[in-house]
Amino acid sequence: MISVDDYFLSLSRFLAKFRSIVRVEPDHPFHRLTDVVGRVEARIHFYDGSYLDVGEMIRIAKGAPLNFHYRYHWQAPDGPRWTYDDAPHHPGMDTFPFHKHVYQGSTRTVESHAHIRLTEAIQEVLQMLGES
């Protein structure tokens, strides 16, 4: 059976693979609460000056990590780009509570979006930066 520490190790290895990621703050963003529950609180900085703020709770369920109470917010130097979260503040969405806030200039829209994992959010940023 995997533990939350295994998830943290896997995530650390994933982050180390990409040249576009220049640093992660704080140095120790992983918080083990029990063998099967943990929290990630981090800011992932990219070469272009953008960053991804990460807040998520992880639970190991049926032998796999499951994120819950998550928020992934990508901020570019000139303003926010998007935020994925599972806060229950858009009950009319067909993917409730999962959704994505998309920012274009001063306009923000909310879109239905399926449950997303942290690695998928990071890959979306990397793809926009030309690395995937």
N, C-alpha and C. Protein backbone atom coordinates (compact mmCIF):
# COMPACT_ATOMS: atom_id res chain seq x y z
N MET A 1 0.84 -1.19 0.00
CA MET A 1 0.00 0.00 0.00
C MET A 1 0.88 1.25 0.00
N ILE A 2 0.50 2.24 -0.77
CA ILE A 2 1.28 3.47 -0.80
C ILE A 2 0.86 4.37 0.35
N SER A 3 1.75 5.28 0.70
CA SER A 3 1.48 6.22 1.78
C SER A 3 1.48 7.64 1.21
N VAL A 4 1.10 8.57 2.03
CA VAL A 4 1.14 9.96 1.61
C VAL A 4 2.58 10.39 1.34
N ASP A 5 3.54 9.80 2.07
CA ASP A 5 4.95 10.09 1.81
C ASP A 5 5.36 9.65 0.41
N ASP A 6 4.82 8.54 -0.06
CA ASP A 6 5.09 8.08 -1.43
C ASP A 6 4.57 9.10 -2.44
N TYR A 7 3.39 9.66 -2.19
CA TYR A 7 2.84 10.69 -3.07
C TYR A 7 3.77 11.91 -3.10
N PHE A 8 4.24 12.34 -1.93
CA PHE A 8 5.14 13.49 -1.87
C PHE A 8 6.44 13.23 -2.63
N LEU A 9 7.00 12.05 -2.49
CA LEU A 9 8.21 11.69 -3.21
C LEU A 9 7.98 11.69 -4.72
N SER A 10 6.87 11.13 -5.14
CA SER A 10 6.52 11.11 -6.56
C SER A 10 6.36 12.54 -7.10
N LEU A 11 5.71 13.39 -6.35
CA LEU A 11 5.52 14.77 -6.76
C LEU A 11 6.85 15.52 -6.83
N SER A 12 7.74 15.29 -5.88
CA SER A 12 9.07 15.92 -5.90
C SER A 12 9.85 15.52 -7.15
N ARG A 13 9.79 14.25 -7.49
CA ARG A 13 10.48 13.76 -8.70
C ARG A 13 9.86 14.36 -9.95
N PHE A 14 8.55 14.49 -9.98
CA PHE A 14 7.85 15.09 -11.12
C PHE A 14 8.31 16.53 -11.31
N LEU A 15 8.35 17.31 -10.25
CA LEU A 15 8.75 18.72 -10.32
C LEU A 15 10.19 18.88 -10.79
N ALA A 16 11.06 17.97 -10.40
CA ALA A 16 12.48 18.06 -10.74
C ALA A 16 12.76 17.80 -12.22
N LYS A 17 11.80 17.26 -12.95
CA LYS A 17 12.01 16.90 -14.36
C LYS A 17 11.98 18.08 -15.31
N PHE A 18 11.45 19.22 -14.90
CA PHE A 18 11.16 20.27 -15.86
C PHE A 18 12.05 21.49 -15.68
N ARG A 19 12.69 21.91 -16.77
CA ARG A 19 13.57 23.08 -16.76
C ARG A 19 12.81 24.37 -16.55
N SER A 20 11.55 24.41 -16.94
CA SER A 20 10.74 25.62 -16.80
C SER A 20 10.44 25.96 -15.35
N ILE A 21 10.54 24.97 -14.46
CA ILE A 21 10.31 25.21 -13.03
C ILE A 21 11.65 25.63 -12.42
N VAL A 22 11.71 26.86 -11.92
CA VAL A 22 12.98 27.37 -11.40
C VAL A 22 13.13 27.21 -9.89
N ARG A 23 12.01 27.17 -9.17
CA ARG A 23 12.09 26.90 -7.74
C ARG A 23 10.69 26.64 -7.17
N VAL A 24 10.69 26.02 -6.01
CA VAL A 24 9.47 25.75 -5.27
C VAL A 24 9.65 26.31 -3.87
N GLU A 25 8.66 27.06 -3.43
CA GLU A 25 8.69 27.63 -2.08
C GLU A 25 7.50 27.10 -1.30
N PRO A 26 7.62 26.89 -0.03
CA PRO A 26 8.85 26.88 0.75
C PRO A 26 9.68 25.64 0.42
N ASP A 27 10.81 25.51 1.06
CA ASP A 27 11.68 24.36 0.82
C ASP A 27 11.00 23.04 1.16
N HIS A 28 10.10 23.08 2.12
CA HIS A 28 9.39 21.87 2.56
C HIS A 28 7.88 22.10 2.46
N PRO A 29 7.32 21.95 1.24
CA PRO A 29 5.90 22.26 1.05
C PRO A 29 4.94 21.12 1.41
N PHE A 30 5.50 19.97 1.83
CA PHE A 30 4.68 18.79 2.09
C PHE A 30 4.49 18.60 3.58
N HIS A 31 3.25 18.35 3.97
CA HIS A 31 2.92 18.19 5.38
C HIS A 31 2.17 16.87 5.57
N ARG A 32 2.85 15.93 6.19
CA ARG A 32 2.25 14.62 6.47
C ARG A 32 1.42 14.74 7.73
N LEU A 33 0.13 14.45 7.62
CA LEU A 33 -0.74 14.50 8.79
C LEU A 33 -0.93 13.11 9.39
N THR A 34 -1.08 12.11 8.53
CA THR A 34 -1.12 10.70 8.93
C THR A 34 -0.49 9.91 7.79
N ASP A 35 -0.47 8.59 7.90
CA ASP A 35 0.05 7.76 6.80
C ASP A 35 -0.76 7.95 5.52
N VAL A 36 -2.02 8.33 5.64
CA VAL A 36 -2.89 8.40 4.47
C VAL A 36 -3.47 9.79 4.20
N VAL A 37 -3.08 10.79 4.97
CA VAL A 37 -3.59 12.14 4.76
C VAL A 37 -2.41 13.12 4.83
N GLY A 38 -2.39 14.06 3.88
CA GLY A 38 -1.34 15.07 3.86
C GLY A 38 -1.81 16.34 3.21
N ARG A 39 -0.96 17.35 3.27
CA ARG A 39 -1.29 18.65 2.70
C ARG A 39 -0.09 19.16 1.91
N VAL A 40 -0.37 19.80 0.79
CA VAL A 40 0.67 20.46 -0.01
C VAL A 40 0.33 21.94 -0.04
N GLU A 41 1.29 22.77 0.37
CA GLU A 41 1.16 24.22 0.29
C GLU A 41 2.44 24.73 -0.34
N ALA A 42 2.34 25.24 -1.57
CA ALA A 42 3.55 25.63 -2.29
C ALA A 42 3.28 26.74 -3.27
N ARG A 43 4.35 27.38 -3.67
CA ARG A 43 4.35 28.29 -4.81
C ARG A 43 5.43 27.76 -5.74
N ILE A 44 5.02 27.40 -6.94
CA ILE A 44 5.93 26.86 -7.96
C ILE A 44 6.24 27.98 -8.93
N HIS A 45 7.50 28.38 -9.00
CA HIS A 45 7.93 29.49 -9.86
C HIS A 45 8.43 28.95 -11.20
N PHE A 46 8.04 29.64 -12.28
CA PHE A 46 8.44 29.27 -13.63
C PHE A 46 9.39 30.33 -14.19
N TYR A 47 10.15 29.95 -15.21
CA TYR A 47 11.20 30.81 -15.77
C TYR A 47 10.69 32.16 -16.27
N ASP A 48 9.43 32.24 -16.67
CA ASP A 48 8.90 33.48 -17.23
C ASP A 48 8.40 34.46 -16.18
N GLY A 49 8.56 34.12 -14.91
CA GLY A 49 8.10 34.98 -13.82
C GLY A 49 6.71 34.64 -13.32
N SER A 50 6.05 33.71 -13.97
CA SER A 50 4.74 33.28 -13.49
C SER A 50 4.93 32.27 -12.36
N TYR A 51 3.85 32.01 -11.66
CA TYR A 51 3.91 31.02 -10.59
C TYR A 51 2.56 30.34 -10.42
N LEU A 52 2.60 29.17 -9.83
CA LEU A 52 1.41 28.40 -9.53
C LEU A 52 1.31 28.26 -8.02
N ASP A 53 0.27 28.86 -7.44
CA ASP A 53 0.02 28.68 -6.02
C ASP A 53 -0.78 27.39 -5.85
N VAL A 54 -0.33 26.55 -4.94
CA VAL A 54 -0.90 25.23 -4.73
C VAL A 54 -1.35 25.09 -3.29
N GLY A 55 -2.56 24.64 -3.13
CA GLY A 55 -3.08 24.24 -1.84
C GLY A 55 -3.95 23.03 -2.06
N GLU A 56 -3.58 21.92 -1.45
CA GLU A 56 -4.40 20.72 -1.62
C GLU A 56 -4.24 19.81 -0.42
N MET A 57 -5.30 19.09 -0.17
CA MET A 57 -5.27 18.01 0.81
C MET A 57 -5.25 16.71 0.00
N ILE A 58 -4.51 15.73 0.49
CA ILE A 58 -4.37 14.43 -0.17
C ILE A 58 -4.82 13.35 0.79
N ARG A 59 -5.57 12.40 0.26
CA ARG A 59 -5.95 11.22 1.03
C ARG A 59 -5.64 10.01 0.18
N ILE A 60 -5.03 9.00 0.77
CA ILE A 60 -4.80 7.75 0.05
C ILE A 60 -6.06 6.92 0.21
N ALA A 61 -6.70 6.63 -0.91
CA ALA A 61 -7.95 5.86 -0.91
C ALA A 61 -7.86 4.77 -1.96
N LYS A 62 -8.15 3.56 -1.57
CA LYS A 62 -8.08 2.41 -2.49
C LYS A 62 -6.71 2.32 -3.15
N GLY A 63 -5.65 2.61 -2.38
CA GLY A 63 -4.29 2.47 -2.86
C GLY A 63 -3.78 3.56 -3.77
N ALA A 64 -4.52 4.67 -3.90
CA ALA A 64 -4.12 5.76 -4.79
C ALA A 64 -4.36 7.11 -4.11
N PRO A 65 -3.56 8.12 -4.46
CA PRO A 65 -3.78 9.45 -3.88
C PRO A 65 -4.99 10.13 -4.50
N LEU A 66 -5.78 10.76 -3.66
CA LEU A 66 -6.95 11.51 -4.10
C LEU A 66 -6.86 12.90 -3.49
N ASN A 67 -6.85 13.92 -4.34
CA ASN A 67 -6.81 15.29 -3.81
C ASN A 67 -8.22 15.77 -3.54
N PHE A 68 -8.35 16.53 -2.47
CA PHE A 68 -9.62 17.13 -2.11
C PHE A 68 -9.32 18.46 -1.44
N HIS A 69 -10.28 19.35 -1.41
CA HIS A 69 -10.06 20.71 -0.91
C HIS A 69 -8.82 21.30 -1.59
N TYR A 70 -8.89 21.40 -2.92
CA TYR A 70 -7.72 21.89 -3.65
C TYR A 70 -7.99 23.23 -4.30
N ARG A 71 -6.89 23.94 -4.54
CA ARG A 71 -6.91 25.19 -5.28
C ARG A 71 -5.56 25.32 -5.97
N TYR A 72 -5.59 25.49 -7.29
CA TYR A 72 -4.38 25.69 -8.09
C TYR A 72 -4.58 27.00 -8.85
N HIS A 73 -3.76 27.98 -8.55
CA HIS A 73 -3.94 29.31 -9.14
C HIS A 73 -2.67 29.70 -9.89
N TRP A 74 -2.82 29.91 -11.22
CA TRP A 74 -1.68 30.32 -12.04
C TRP A 74 -1.71 31.82 -12.23
N GLN A 75 -0.63 32.48 -11.83
CA GLN A 75 -0.50 33.92 -11.89
C GLN A 75 0.68 34.28 -12.80
N ALA A 76 0.41 35.02 -13.87
CA ALA A 76 1.47 35.51 -14.76
C ALA A 76 1.92 36.88 -14.27
N PRO A 77 3.06 37.38 -14.74
CA PRO A 77 3.53 38.70 -14.30
C PRO A 77 2.52 39.82 -14.56
N ASP A 78 1.71 39.68 -15.62
CA ASP A 78 0.76 40.74 -15.94
C ASP A 78 -0.66 40.46 -15.45
N GLY A 79 -0.85 39.41 -14.66
CA GLY A 79 -2.17 39.15 -14.10
C GLY A 79 -2.49 37.67 -14.03
N PRO A 80 -3.61 37.35 -13.38
CA PRO A 80 -3.99 35.94 -13.24
C PRO A 80 -4.42 35.32 -14.56
N ARG A 81 -4.20 34.02 -14.70
CA ARG A 81 -4.60 33.29 -15.90
C ARG A 81 -5.78 32.36 -15.61
N TRP A 82 -5.66 31.53 -14.56
CA TRP A 82 -6.76 30.64 -14.20
C TRP A 82 -6.60 30.13 -12.78
N THR A 83 -7.70 29.61 -12.26
CA THR A 83 -7.72 28.96 -10.95
C THR A 83 -8.64 27.75 -11.05
N TYR A 84 -8.13 26.59 -10.67
CA TYR A 84 -8.96 25.40 -10.51
C TYR A 84 -9.23 25.24 -9.02
N ASP A 85 -10.47 24.91 -8.67
CA ASP A 85 -10.74 24.59 -7.27
C ASP A 85 -12.00 23.74 -7.15
N ASP A 86 -12.18 23.25 -5.94
CA ASP A 86 -13.38 22.43 -5.67
C ASP A 86 -14.21 23.04 -4.54
N ALA A 87 -14.08 24.36 -4.37
CA ALA A 87 -14.91 25.04 -3.37
C ALA A 87 -16.37 24.97 -3.83
N PRO A 88 -17.29 24.73 -2.93
CA PRO A 88 -18.69 24.54 -3.33
C PRO A 88 -19.46 25.84 -3.51
N HIS A 89 -18.91 26.78 -4.28
CA HIS A 89 -19.57 28.06 -4.47
C HIS A 89 -20.23 28.26 -5.83
N HIS A 90 -20.28 27.21 -6.65
CA HIS A 90 -21.00 27.29 -7.93
C HIS A 90 -21.88 26.04 -8.08
N PRO A 91 -22.92 25.92 -7.26
CA PRO A 91 -23.72 24.68 -7.23
C PRO A 91 -24.47 24.38 -8.53
N GLY A 92 -24.63 25.33 -9.41
CA GLY A 92 -25.34 25.10 -10.66
C GLY A 92 -24.50 24.43 -11.74
N MET A 93 -23.22 24.26 -11.51
CA MET A 93 -22.33 23.67 -12.52
C MET A 93 -22.56 22.17 -12.61
N ASP A 94 -22.47 21.66 -13.82
CA ASP A 94 -22.68 20.22 -14.02
C ASP A 94 -21.54 19.38 -13.45
N THR A 95 -20.40 20.00 -13.16
CA THR A 95 -19.26 19.27 -12.58
C THR A 95 -19.10 19.62 -11.09
N PHE A 96 -20.11 20.22 -10.50
CA PHE A 96 -20.06 20.66 -9.10
C PHE A 96 -19.48 19.58 -8.21
N PRO A 97 -18.53 19.93 -7.36
CA PRO A 97 -18.03 21.28 -7.05
C PRO A 97 -16.81 21.69 -7.87
N PHE A 98 -16.40 20.86 -8.83
CA PHE A 98 -15.17 21.12 -9.60
C PHE A 98 -15.43 22.17 -10.67
N HIS A 99 -14.51 23.15 -10.78
CA HIS A 99 -14.67 24.20 -11.78
C HIS A 99 -13.35 24.94 -11.99
N LYS A 100 -13.35 25.80 -13.00
CA LYS A 100 -12.16 26.57 -13.35
C LYS A 100 -12.56 28.03 -13.55
N HIS A 101 -11.83 28.94 -12.92
CA HIS A 101 -11.98 30.37 -13.14
C HIS A 101 -10.96 30.75 -14.21
N VAL A 102 -11.40 31.41 -15.25
CA VAL A 102 -10.51 31.83 -16.34
C VAL A 102 -10.51 33.35 -16.38
N TYR A 103 -9.31 33.93 -16.40
CA TYR A 103 -9.15 35.38 -16.39
C TYR A 103 -8.61 35.84 -17.74
N GLN A 104 -9.26 36.85 -18.29
CA GLN A 104 -8.79 37.50 -19.52
C GLN A 104 -8.90 38.99 -19.30
N GLY A 105 -7.76 39.61 -19.00
CA GLY A 105 -7.79 41.03 -18.65
C GLY A 105 -8.56 41.20 -17.35
N SER A 106 -9.55 42.08 -17.37
CA SER A 106 -10.35 42.31 -16.16
C SER A 106 -11.60 41.43 -16.11
N THR A 107 -11.73 40.52 -17.08
CA THR A 107 -12.89 39.65 -17.15
C THR A 107 -12.58 38.28 -16.56
N ARG A 108 -13.49 37.79 -15.72
CA ARG A 108 -13.34 36.45 -15.15
C ARG A 108 -14.58 35.66 -15.48
N THR A 109 -14.38 34.47 -16.03
CA THR A 109 -15.49 33.57 -16.28
C THR A 109 -15.27 32.29 -15.47
N VAL A 110 -16.34 31.57 -15.25
CA VAL A 110 -16.27 30.30 -14.54
C VAL A 110 -16.75 29.22 -15.47
N GLU A 111 -15.96 28.16 -15.58
CA GLU A 111 -16.27 27.06 -16.49
C GLU A 111 -16.40 25.75 -15.71
N SER A 112 -17.28 24.89 -16.18
CA SER A 112 -17.33 23.53 -15.65
C SER A 112 -16.02 22.85 -15.98
N HIS A 113 -15.54 22.06 -15.05
CA HIS A 113 -14.32 21.31 -15.31
C HIS A 113 -14.31 20.10 -14.41
N ALA A 114 -13.87 19.01 -14.96
CA ALA A 114 -13.78 17.77 -14.19
C ALA A 114 -12.71 17.91 -13.10
N HIS A 115 -12.78 17.04 -12.15
CA HIS A 115 -11.77 16.95 -11.09
C HIS A 115 -10.38 16.93 -11.73
N ILE A 116 -9.44 17.70 -11.21
CA ILE A 116 -8.10 17.80 -11.79
C ILE A 116 -7.07 17.50 -10.71
N ARG A 117 -5.99 16.88 -11.12
CA ARG A 117 -4.88 16.60 -10.20
C ARG A 117 -3.81 17.68 -10.36
N LEU A 118 -2.99 17.81 -9.34
CA LEU A 118 -1.93 18.82 -9.36
C LEU A 118 -1.00 18.64 -10.56
N THR A 119 -0.61 17.42 -10.86
CA THR A 119 0.30 17.21 -11.99
C THR A 119 -0.33 17.66 -13.30
N GLU A 120 -1.63 17.52 -13.43
CA GLU A 120 -2.31 17.98 -14.65
C GLU A 120 -2.31 19.51 -14.74
N ALA A 121 -2.51 20.19 -13.61
CA ALA A 121 -2.46 21.65 -13.61
C ALA A 121 -1.06 22.15 -13.97
N ILE A 122 -0.03 21.49 -13.41
CA ILE A 122 1.35 21.86 -13.73
C ILE A 122 1.62 21.63 -15.22
N GLN A 123 1.17 20.52 -15.74
CA GLN A 123 1.38 20.24 -17.17
C GLN A 123 0.68 21.26 -18.05
N GLU A 124 -0.47 21.77 -17.62
CA GLU A 124 -1.15 22.81 -18.40
C GLU A 124 -0.29 24.08 -18.46
N VAL A 125 0.29 24.47 -17.33
CA VAL A 125 1.19 25.63 -17.33
C VAL A 125 2.39 25.36 -18.22
N LEU A 126 3.02 24.21 -18.06
CA LEU A 126 4.20 23.88 -18.87
C LEU A 126 3.90 23.88 -20.36
N GLN A 127 2.73 23.39 -20.73
CA GLN A 127 2.34 23.41 -22.14
C GLN A 127 2.22 24.84 -22.65
N MET A 128 1.64 25.72 -21.85
CA MET A 128 1.52 27.13 -22.26
C MET A 128 2.91 27.79 -22.36
N LEU A 129 3.88 27.28 -21.59
CA LEU A 129 5.23 27.83 -21.64
C LEU A 129 6.10 27.13 -22.68
N GLY A 130 5.54 26.15 -23.37
CA GLY A 130 6.29 25.46 -24.42
C GLY A 130 7.06 24.26 -23.97
N GLU A 131 6.83 23.78 -22.76
CA GLU A 131 7.49 22.58 -22.26
C GLU A 131 6.41 21.65 -21.73
N SER A 132 6.49 20.39 -22.13
CA SER A 132 5.49 19.46 -21.59
C SER A 132 6.02 18.06 -21.52
